[in-house]
Amino acid sequence: MQKIALPDYVITAIHALDQAGFESCVVGGAVRSSLLGLPVHDYDLTTSAVPQEMESVFAGYHVIPTGIVHGTLTVVIDHHPLEITTYRTDGTYQDHRHPDEVRFTKSLQEDCARRDFTINAMCYHPGRGIIDFFGGQQDLADHVLRTVGDPEQRFNEDALRIVRALRFAAQLRFSIEPGTADALLDQAPSLSRIAKERIQAELLMILKADGCADILRAYRPVMEIIMPQLKGISPRQWEDACNIIAGTAPEEAVRMAILLRACPSGSRQQALRDLKLTVMFQRTVLELIGHAENPLSSRIDLRHLLHVLQPPFRLYLQFRAAIDPAVNPSAVQALHDSIQRDHDCFQLRDLAIGGRDLENAGYHGAAISEALSCALDAVMNDQVPNEREALLHLLENRASPM
């Protein structure tokens, strides 16, 4: 019998339910990740006990009615929250997302039959080992993603499963079983009924996954439903973007910028807004694209870039090195480090003079800002040292202050 190491708080919960005469087991992602040798971030239990019975079993613990209508309670054991859900079957789905009703059952197999993919429908009990009704272990071994039961029905029930399928395939580097892939593409238009926030979360995980480029290549039609603005990208540009993404580190903003830079500028912002991405994420992506052609060959070039660049420099350099083979990232990074080490001036706040100095020199209003910008530009261009007397002398030789 194959063993999976479980943390003490999970074993405590299973033992408590066993002692009370109920079935229980770990289900879903924790089993999948354990069998793949991947880190497990959280555990979920499924049980034959209904919520009222769970409350009785765990009367000595803090119990939170997380989703009691759907049979889910959270039990806090040794400061660890653990979700425990009653075996259930789902009714019909009218909105491509949520079942109209949930019915409790005493059958673990019926509970597993409602789950999305075979690799997520496996269970584990310390005394019984792996419980696998739908061939999840074989699909894990074959690196195949397959729905539980009819794929058309699974995706029609919950359209978010379409993007989840792409996310799992990208993260695990699995292929999608042909019937599942065909149904996924057929049902993809129903994604328009899913909240953008839910799709966004899955999309960002796809962009961060090792297999991101493979999914983008194989499932462009789905991506175009998620982001219609991508339809304007030519096949050659799409392939180029996929090749570039395949060679980049897993940074969501960088990969999004690589994907969107072939779109017209107006549609880029619309695509990001439609997905309801954070303002910071949107700004980062648009800034990366906006500075895609800034010169980087000299210290002066880099000062001028740093003067206007808002995203972290490491993201910018990663983006530029990805899209421009002429950029030597090591050389540019060394130049950047030198600028930081030597405290080069590339922001107004670092100038050796300020507004008060210019007021004393007779400048007023907008002329102060203009003079400071002129002084900063001269410093960044190595025309004058960042020293108070030198800067004041420079400004004295300009047109008279206003």
Protein backbone atom coordinates (compact mmCIF):
# COMPACT_ATOMS: atom_id res chain seq x y z
CA MET A 1 0.00 0.00 0.00
CA GLN A 2 1.39 3.36 -1.03
CA LYS A 3 1.88 5.72 1.88
CA ILE A 4 1.58 9.51 1.90
CA ALA A 5 3.05 11.49 4.78
CA LEU A 6 0.34 13.61 6.38
CA PRO A 7 0.80 16.36 8.96
CA ASP A 8 -0.32 15.60 12.51
CA TYR A 9 -3.35 17.90 12.44
CA VAL A 10 -4.75 16.09 9.38
CA ILE A 11 -4.19 12.69 10.99
CA THR A 12 -5.92 13.98 14.14
CA ALA A 13 -9.01 14.95 12.13
CA ILE A 14 -9.15 11.63 10.25
CA HIS A 15 -8.72 9.67 13.48
CA ALA A 16 -11.52 11.66 15.17
CA LEU A 17 -13.92 10.92 12.33
CA ASP A 18 -12.86 7.25 12.22
CA GLN A 19 -13.45 6.88 15.95
CA ALA A 20 -16.93 8.39 15.58
CA GLY A 21 -17.79 5.82 12.90
CA PHE A 22 -17.53 8.05 9.82
CA GLU A 23 -15.50 7.64 6.66
CA SER A 24 -13.01 10.36 5.78
CA CYS A 25 -10.01 10.85 3.54
CA VAL A 26 -7.75 13.49 2.06
CA VAL A 27 -8.94 14.48 -1.40
CA GLY A 28 -7.84 16.50 -4.40
CA GLY A 29 -4.73 18.57 -4.84
CA ALA A 30 -2.92 17.32 -1.76
CA VAL A 31 -3.05 13.74 -3.03
CA ARG A 32 -2.02 14.76 -6.55
CA SER A 33 0.90 16.85 -5.37
CA SER A 34 2.07 14.21 -2.90
CA LEU A 35 2.17 11.55 -5.60
CA LEU A 36 4.10 13.90 -7.89
CA GLY A 37 6.57 14.76 -5.12
CA LEU A 38 5.49 18.42 -5.16
CA PRO A 39 4.95 20.66 -2.11
CA VAL A 40 1.49 20.49 -0.56
CA HIS A 41 0.17 23.87 0.54
CA ASP A 42 -3.14 22.82 2.04
CA TYR A 43 -5.18 19.72 2.75
CA ASP A 44 -8.89 19.09 2.27
CA LEU A 45 -10.88 16.25 3.77
CA THR A 46 -14.07 14.69 2.49
CA THR A 47 -16.28 12.68 4.84
CA SER A 48 -19.51 10.73 5.13
CA ALA A 49 -20.44 12.88 8.15
CA VAL A 50 -22.95 15.67 7.54
CA PRO A 51 -22.20 19.13 9.00
CA GLN A 52 -24.16 18.59 12.22
CA GLU A 53 -22.30 15.33 12.82
CA MET A 54 -18.96 17.04 12.12
CA GLU A 55 -19.82 19.73 14.65
CA SER A 56 -20.40 17.00 17.23
CA VAL A 57 -17.15 15.18 16.37
CA PHE A 58 -15.12 18.39 16.64
CA ALA A 59 -16.98 19.93 19.56
CA GLY A 60 -13.67 20.49 21.35
CA TYR A 61 -12.20 22.53 18.51
CA HIS A 62 -12.89 25.89 16.95
CA VAL A 63 -15.26 25.18 14.06
CA ILE A 64 -16.05 27.75 11.36
CA PRO A 65 -19.17 27.24 9.19
CA THR A 66 -17.27 28.14 6.02
CA GLY A 67 -19.85 26.80 3.58
CA ILE A 68 -22.23 24.83 5.75
CA VAL A 69 -25.00 24.90 3.12
CA HIS A 70 -22.67 23.01 0.79
CA GLY A 71 -21.42 20.74 3.55
CA THR A 72 -18.12 22.48 4.31
CA LEU A 73 -16.80 23.28 7.77
CA THR A 74 -13.35 24.55 8.71
CA VAL A 75 -11.90 22.94 11.82
CA VAL A 76 -8.90 24.59 13.46
CA ILE A 77 -6.53 21.97 14.87
CA ASP A 78 -3.23 23.05 16.45
CA HIS A 79 -3.67 26.47 14.78
CA HIS A 80 -4.10 24.86 11.34
CA PRO A 81 -7.41 25.47 9.53
CA LEU A 82 -8.65 22.33 7.79
CA GLU A 83 -11.64 22.29 5.42
CA ILE A 84 -13.82 19.20 5.75
CA THR A 85 -16.72 18.64 3.35
CA THR A 86 -19.52 16.08 3.35
CA TYR A 87 -19.68 13.63 0.44
CA ARG A 88 -22.04 15.22 -2.03
CA THR A 89 -23.42 15.17 -5.53
CA ASP A 90 -24.25 18.27 -7.54
CA GLY A 91 -27.57 19.05 -9.15
CA THR A 92 -27.96 20.69 -12.55
CA TYR A 93 -25.95 23.76 -13.51
CA GLN A 94 -27.79 26.73 -15.02
CA ASP A 95 -25.05 29.38 -15.01
CA HIS A 96 -22.02 27.37 -16.22
CA ARG A 97 -20.47 27.81 -12.76
CA HIS A 98 -22.57 26.79 -9.74
CA PRO A 99 -24.88 23.80 -9.18
CA ASP A 100 -28.52 24.65 -8.52
CA GLU A 101 -28.51 22.32 -5.54
CA VAL A 102 -26.16 20.11 -3.56
CA ARG A 103 -27.24 16.71 -2.25
CA PHE A 104 -25.34 14.86 0.45
CA THR A 105 -24.48 11.22 -0.18
CA LYS A 106 -22.88 8.36 1.72
CA SER A 107 -20.90 7.26 -1.34
CA LEU A 108 -17.30 8.40 -1.73
CA GLN A 109 -17.36 7.31 -5.38
CA GLU A 110 -20.36 9.54 -6.09
CA ASP A 111 -18.53 12.44 -4.45
CA CYS A 112 -15.43 11.86 -6.57
CA ALA A 113 -17.54 11.52 -9.72
CA ARG A 114 -18.54 15.20 -9.56
CA ARG A 115 -14.91 16.42 -9.55
CA ASP A 116 -13.20 18.00 -12.53
CA PHE A 117 -10.14 15.93 -13.51
CA THR A 118 -9.06 12.40 -12.72
CA ILE A 119 -5.84 13.58 -11.11
CA ASN A 120 -7.92 15.70 -8.70
CA ALA A 121 -10.40 12.92 -7.88
CA MET A 122 -8.00 10.66 -5.99
CA CYS A 123 -8.33 10.21 -2.23
CA TYR A 124 -6.07 8.93 0.51
CA HIS A 125 -6.67 7.37 3.90
CA PRO A 126 -3.73 6.25 6.08
CA GLY A 127 -5.32 2.83 6.59
CA ARG A 128 -6.71 2.29 3.08
CA GLY A 129 -4.04 3.92 0.95
CA ILE A 130 -4.86 5.55 -2.39
CA ILE A 131 -8.51 5.41 -3.43
CA ASP A 132 -8.76 5.97 -7.17
CA PHE A 133 -12.06 5.31 -8.95
CA PHE A 134 -11.26 7.02 -12.27
CA GLY A 135 -7.67 6.17 -13.20
CA GLY A 136 -6.01 9.28 -11.82
CA GLN A 137 -2.82 7.42 -10.91
CA GLN A 138 -2.39 6.16 -14.47
CA ASP A 139 -3.02 9.64 -15.86
CA LEU A 140 -0.41 11.01 -13.47
CA ALA A 141 2.07 8.42 -14.67
CA ASP A 142 1.24 9.21 -18.31
CA HIS A 143 1.30 12.99 -17.72
CA VAL A 144 -2.21 13.33 -19.12
CA LEU A 145 -5.02 15.63 -18.01
CA ARG A 146 -8.46 14.07 -18.44
CA THR A 147 -11.89 14.97 -17.09
CA VAL A 148 -13.84 12.70 -14.80
CA GLY A 149 -16.60 11.37 -17.03
CA ASP A 150 -17.90 13.17 -20.11
CA PRO A 151 -15.72 16.23 -20.84
CA GLU A 152 -18.54 18.10 -22.60
CA GLN A 153 -20.68 17.76 -19.50
CA ARG A 154 -17.85 18.71 -17.12
CA PHE A 155 -17.07 21.94 -19.00
CA ASN A 156 -20.73 22.75 -19.59
CA GLU A 157 -21.35 22.46 -15.85
CA ASP A 158 -18.53 24.83 -14.92
CA ALA A 159 -16.82 26.80 -17.68
CA LEU A 160 -14.03 27.87 -15.33
CA ARG A 161 -12.77 24.29 -15.60
CA ILE A 162 -11.67 25.18 -19.14
CA VAL A 163 -9.07 27.64 -17.87
CA ARG A 164 -8.24 25.38 -14.92
CA ALA A 165 -7.44 22.62 -17.42
CA LEU A 166 -5.01 24.89 -19.22
CA ARG A 167 -3.51 25.96 -15.91
CA PHE A 168 -2.93 22.40 -14.69
CA ALA A 169 -1.47 21.40 -18.04
CA ALA A 170 0.86 24.42 -17.98
CA GLN A 171 1.95 23.92 -14.38
CA LEU A 172 2.46 20.16 -14.58
CA ARG A 173 3.65 20.07 -18.22
CA PHE A 174 0.89 17.55 -18.96
CA SER A 175 -0.80 16.99 -22.30
CA ILE A 176 -4.57 17.29 -22.44
CA GLU A 177 -6.33 14.09 -23.51
CA PRO A 178 -7.76 14.57 -27.05
CA GLY A 179 -11.44 14.21 -26.08
CA THR A 180 -10.94 16.62 -23.19
CA ALA A 181 -9.11 19.06 -25.46
CA ASP A 182 -11.85 18.96 -28.11
CA ALA A 183 -14.56 19.57 -25.52
CA LEU A 184 -12.52 22.37 -23.98
CA LEU A 185 -12.29 24.19 -27.31
CA ASP A 186 -15.95 23.53 -28.09
CA GLN A 187 -17.15 24.93 -24.76
CA ALA A 188 -14.70 27.84 -24.60
CA PRO A 189 -17.26 30.51 -25.67
CA SER A 190 -19.11 29.92 -22.38
CA LEU A 191 -16.17 31.56 -20.59
CA SER A 192 -17.84 34.86 -21.40
CA ARG A 193 -20.30 34.08 -18.58
CA ILE A 194 -17.58 33.63 -15.95
CA ALA A 195 -16.48 36.48 -13.67
CA LYS A 196 -13.33 38.10 -15.00
CA GLU A 197 -11.71 37.96 -11.56
CA ARG A 198 -11.90 34.15 -11.55
CA ILE A 199 -10.48 33.88 -15.07
CA GLN A 200 -7.77 36.41 -14.25
CA ALA A 201 -6.53 34.36 -11.31
CA GLU A 202 -6.18 31.25 -13.48
CA LEU A 203 -4.58 33.19 -16.34
CA LEU A 204 -1.90 34.65 -14.10
CA MET A 205 -1.02 31.15 -12.92
CA ILE A 206 -0.78 30.01 -16.55
CA LEU A 207 1.57 32.91 -17.32
CA LYS A 208 3.74 31.94 -14.35
CA ALA A 209 3.86 28.24 -15.24
CA ASP A 210 6.79 26.44 -16.88
CA GLY A 211 4.57 25.18 -19.68
CA CYS A 212 2.99 28.56 -20.45
CA ALA A 213 4.33 28.80 -24.02
CA ASP A 214 3.07 25.33 -24.94
CA ILE A 215 -0.45 26.20 -23.77
CA LEU A 216 -0.44 29.52 -25.61
CA ARG A 217 0.61 27.76 -28.83
CA ALA A 218 -1.94 24.96 -28.58
CA TYR A 219 -4.92 26.90 -27.24
CA ARG A 220 -4.80 30.32 -28.82
CA PRO A 221 -8.59 30.24 -29.51
CA VAL A 222 -9.26 30.04 -25.77
CA MET A 223 -6.86 32.89 -25.08
CA GLU A 224 -8.67 35.01 -27.67
CA ILE A 225 -11.97 34.45 -25.87
CA ILE A 226 -10.35 35.48 -22.60
CA MET A 227 -8.64 38.47 -24.27
CA PRO A 228 -10.32 39.34 -27.60
CA GLN A 229 -7.64 41.97 -28.25
CA LEU A 230 -5.21 39.15 -29.04
CA LYS A 231 -7.07 38.42 -32.29
CA GLY A 232 -5.14 41.23 -33.97
CA ILE A 233 -1.80 39.45 -33.53
CA SER A 234 -0.56 37.71 -36.67
CA PRO A 235 0.35 33.99 -36.55
CA ARG A 236 4.02 34.89 -36.94
CA GLN A 237 3.88 37.41 -34.10
CA TRP A 238 2.07 34.88 -31.92
CA GLU A 239 4.70 32.23 -32.54
CA ASP A 240 7.46 34.75 -31.85
CA ALA A 241 5.80 35.69 -28.56
CA CYS A 242 5.48 32.03 -27.56
CA ASN A 243 9.14 31.39 -28.36
CA ILE A 244 10.21 34.41 -26.32
CA ILE A 245 7.99 33.45 -23.37
CA ALA A 246 9.43 29.93 -23.41
CA GLY A 247 12.85 31.42 -22.71
CA THR A 248 11.87 33.82 -19.93
CA ALA A 249 11.68 33.39 -16.18
CA PRO A 250 8.14 32.89 -14.82
CA GLU A 251 7.15 36.53 -14.23
CA GLU A 252 3.49 37.20 -15.00
CA ALA A 253 3.89 40.89 -15.86
CA VAL A 254 6.87 40.28 -18.14
CA ARG A 255 5.11 37.49 -20.02
CA MET A 256 1.92 39.53 -20.31
CA ALA A 257 3.95 42.41 -21.76
CA ILE A 258 5.58 40.07 -24.28
CA LEU A 259 2.14 38.80 -25.31
CA LEU A 260 0.48 42.22 -25.57
CA ARG A 261 3.23 44.23 -27.22
CA ALA A 262 2.12 43.14 -30.71
CA CYS A 263 -1.37 44.58 -30.04
CA PRO A 264 -2.26 48.20 -30.86
CA SER A 265 -1.51 50.43 -27.88
CA GLY A 266 -5.15 51.25 -27.15
CA SER A 267 -6.22 47.62 -27.04
CA ARG A 268 -3.46 46.69 -24.60
CA GLN A 269 -4.91 48.82 -21.84
CA GLN A 270 -8.42 47.62 -22.62
CA ALA A 271 -7.34 43.99 -22.37
CA LEU A 272 -5.80 44.59 -18.94
CA ARG A 273 -8.81 46.54 -17.72
CA ASP A 274 -11.28 43.94 -18.94
CA LEU A 275 -9.49 41.30 -16.89
CA LYS A 276 -9.80 43.56 -13.83
CA LEU A 277 -6.10 43.29 -13.10
CA THR A 278 -4.73 45.55 -10.41
CA VAL A 279 -3.80 49.10 -11.37
CA MET A 280 -0.19 48.35 -10.40
CA PHE A 281 -0.05 45.29 -12.67
CA GLN A 282 -1.57 47.23 -15.56
CA ARG A 283 0.92 50.06 -15.14
CA THR A 284 3.84 47.65 -14.97
CA VAL A 285 2.87 45.88 -18.20
CA LEU A 286 2.21 49.12 -20.09
CA GLU A 287 5.45 50.69 -18.80
CA LEU A 288 7.51 47.70 -19.90
CA ILE A 289 6.04 47.90 -23.38
CA GLY A 290 6.29 51.70 -23.46
CA HIS A 291 10.04 51.63 -22.82
CA ALA A 292 10.76 48.66 -25.07
CA GLU A 293 13.08 50.66 -27.32
CA ASN A 294 14.90 52.95 -24.89
CA PRO A 295 18.67 52.98 -25.61
CA LEU A 296 20.79 51.09 -23.07
CA SER A 297 24.28 51.34 -24.49
CA SER A 298 25.75 53.90 -22.09
CA ARG A 299 25.61 55.12 -18.53
CA ILE A 300 23.85 58.27 -19.75
CA ASP A 301 21.22 56.16 -21.53
CA LEU A 302 20.55 54.17 -18.40
CA ARG A 303 20.25 57.27 -16.21
CA HIS A 304 17.57 58.64 -18.53
CA LEU A 305 15.71 55.32 -18.42
CA LEU A 306 15.85 55.15 -14.63
CA HIS A 307 14.54 58.69 -14.47
CA VAL A 308 11.23 57.64 -16.05
CA LEU A 309 11.01 53.91 -15.27
CA GLN A 310 8.41 52.93 -12.66
CA PRO A 311 8.50 49.09 -12.58
CA PRO A 312 11.39 47.34 -10.81
CA PHE A 313 14.51 47.45 -12.96
CA ARG A 314 14.93 43.65 -12.76
CA LEU A 315 11.57 43.18 -14.50
CA TYR A 316 12.47 45.71 -17.16
CA LEU A 317 15.83 44.10 -17.86
CA GLN A 318 14.22 40.67 -18.03
CA PHE A 319 11.69 42.01 -20.55
CA ARG A 320 14.25 43.84 -22.69
CA ALA A 321 16.67 40.92 -22.76
CA ALA A 322 13.81 38.64 -23.81
CA ILE A 323 12.59 40.76 -26.73
CA ASP A 324 15.92 42.21 -27.89
CA PRO A 325 18.78 39.78 -28.63
CA ALA A 326 21.16 42.74 -28.94
CA VAL A 327 20.79 43.53 -25.24
CA ASN A 328 23.52 42.03 -23.04
CA PRO A 329 21.75 41.69 -19.68
CA SER A 330 24.97 41.13 -17.73
CA ALA A 331 26.54 44.29 -19.12
CA VAL A 332 23.40 46.37 -18.54
CA GLN A 333 23.04 45.00 -15.00
CA ALA A 334 26.67 45.85 -14.27
CA LEU A 335 26.08 49.39 -15.53
CA HIS A 336 22.98 49.68 -13.37
CA ASP A 337 24.85 48.41 -10.32
CA SER A 338 27.59 50.95 -10.94
CA ILE A 339 25.05 53.79 -11.13
CA GLN A 340 23.51 52.67 -7.85
CA ARG A 341 26.87 52.17 -6.15
CA ASP A 342 28.15 55.59 -7.21
CA HIS A 343 24.85 57.29 -6.32
CA ASP A 344 24.47 58.82 -9.78
CA CYS A 345 21.84 61.52 -9.86
CA PHE A 346 18.83 60.74 -12.08
CA GLN A 347 15.96 62.15 -9.97
CA LEU A 348 15.17 65.73 -8.95
CA ARG A 349 15.26 64.79 -5.30
CA ASP A 350 18.94 63.90 -5.66
CA LEU A 351 20.00 67.22 -7.19
CA ALA A 352 22.42 69.32 -5.15
CA ILE A 353 20.05 72.30 -5.53
CA GLY A 354 16.36 72.72 -4.85
CA GLY A 355 13.50 75.12 -5.23
CA ARG A 356 14.65 77.38 -2.39
CA ASP A 357 18.01 77.90 -4.10
CA LEU A 358 16.26 78.96 -7.28
CA GLU A 359 13.87 81.29 -5.44
CA ASN A 360 16.89 82.99 -3.94
CA ALA A 361 18.34 83.26 -7.44
CA GLY A 362 15.21 85.05 -8.66
CA TYR A 363 13.19 82.21 -10.19
CA HIS A 364 9.42 82.06 -9.68
CA GLY A 365 6.55 79.68 -10.41
CA ALA A 366 6.90 77.35 -13.38
CA ALA A 367 10.37 78.71 -14.10
CA ILE A 368 11.64 76.87 -11.00
CA SER A 369 10.47 73.48 -12.29
CA GLU A 370 11.88 74.21 -15.73
CA ALA A 371 15.27 75.23 -14.31
CA LEU A 372 15.46 72.15 -12.08
CA SER A 373 14.63 69.89 -15.03
CA CYS A 374 17.34 71.61 -17.07
CA ALA A 375 19.87 71.11 -14.27
CA LEU A 376 18.94 67.43 -13.87
CA ASP A 377 19.23 66.84 -17.60
CA ALA A 378 22.70 68.43 -17.63
CA VAL A 379 23.80 66.22 -14.70
CA MET A 380 22.45 63.05 -16.31
CA ASN A 381 24.26 63.96 -19.55
CA ASP A 382 27.58 64.51 -17.72
CA GLN A 383 27.60 68.20 -18.76
CA VAL A 384 28.02 69.41 -15.20
CA PRO A 385 28.78 67.72 -11.86
CA ASN A 386 25.99 67.39 -9.32
CA GLU A 387 27.41 70.19 -7.14
CA ARG A 388 25.56 73.24 -5.88
CA GLU A 389 27.91 75.93 -7.17
CA ALA A 390 28.35 74.26 -10.54
CA LEU A 391 24.60 73.95 -11.02
CA LEU A 392 23.89 77.54 -10.00
CA HIS A 393 26.61 78.70 -12.38
CA LEU A 394 25.01 76.66 -15.16
CA LEU A 395 21.65 78.27 -14.55
CA GLU A 396 23.10 81.78 -14.38
CA ASN A 397 24.19 81.35 -18.00
CA ARG A 398 20.68 80.41 -19.10
CA ALA A 399 18.01 82.94 -20.05
CA SER A 400 17.06 85.28 -17.23
CA PRO A 401 14.73 83.76 -14.63
CA MET A 402 11.05 84.61 -14.86
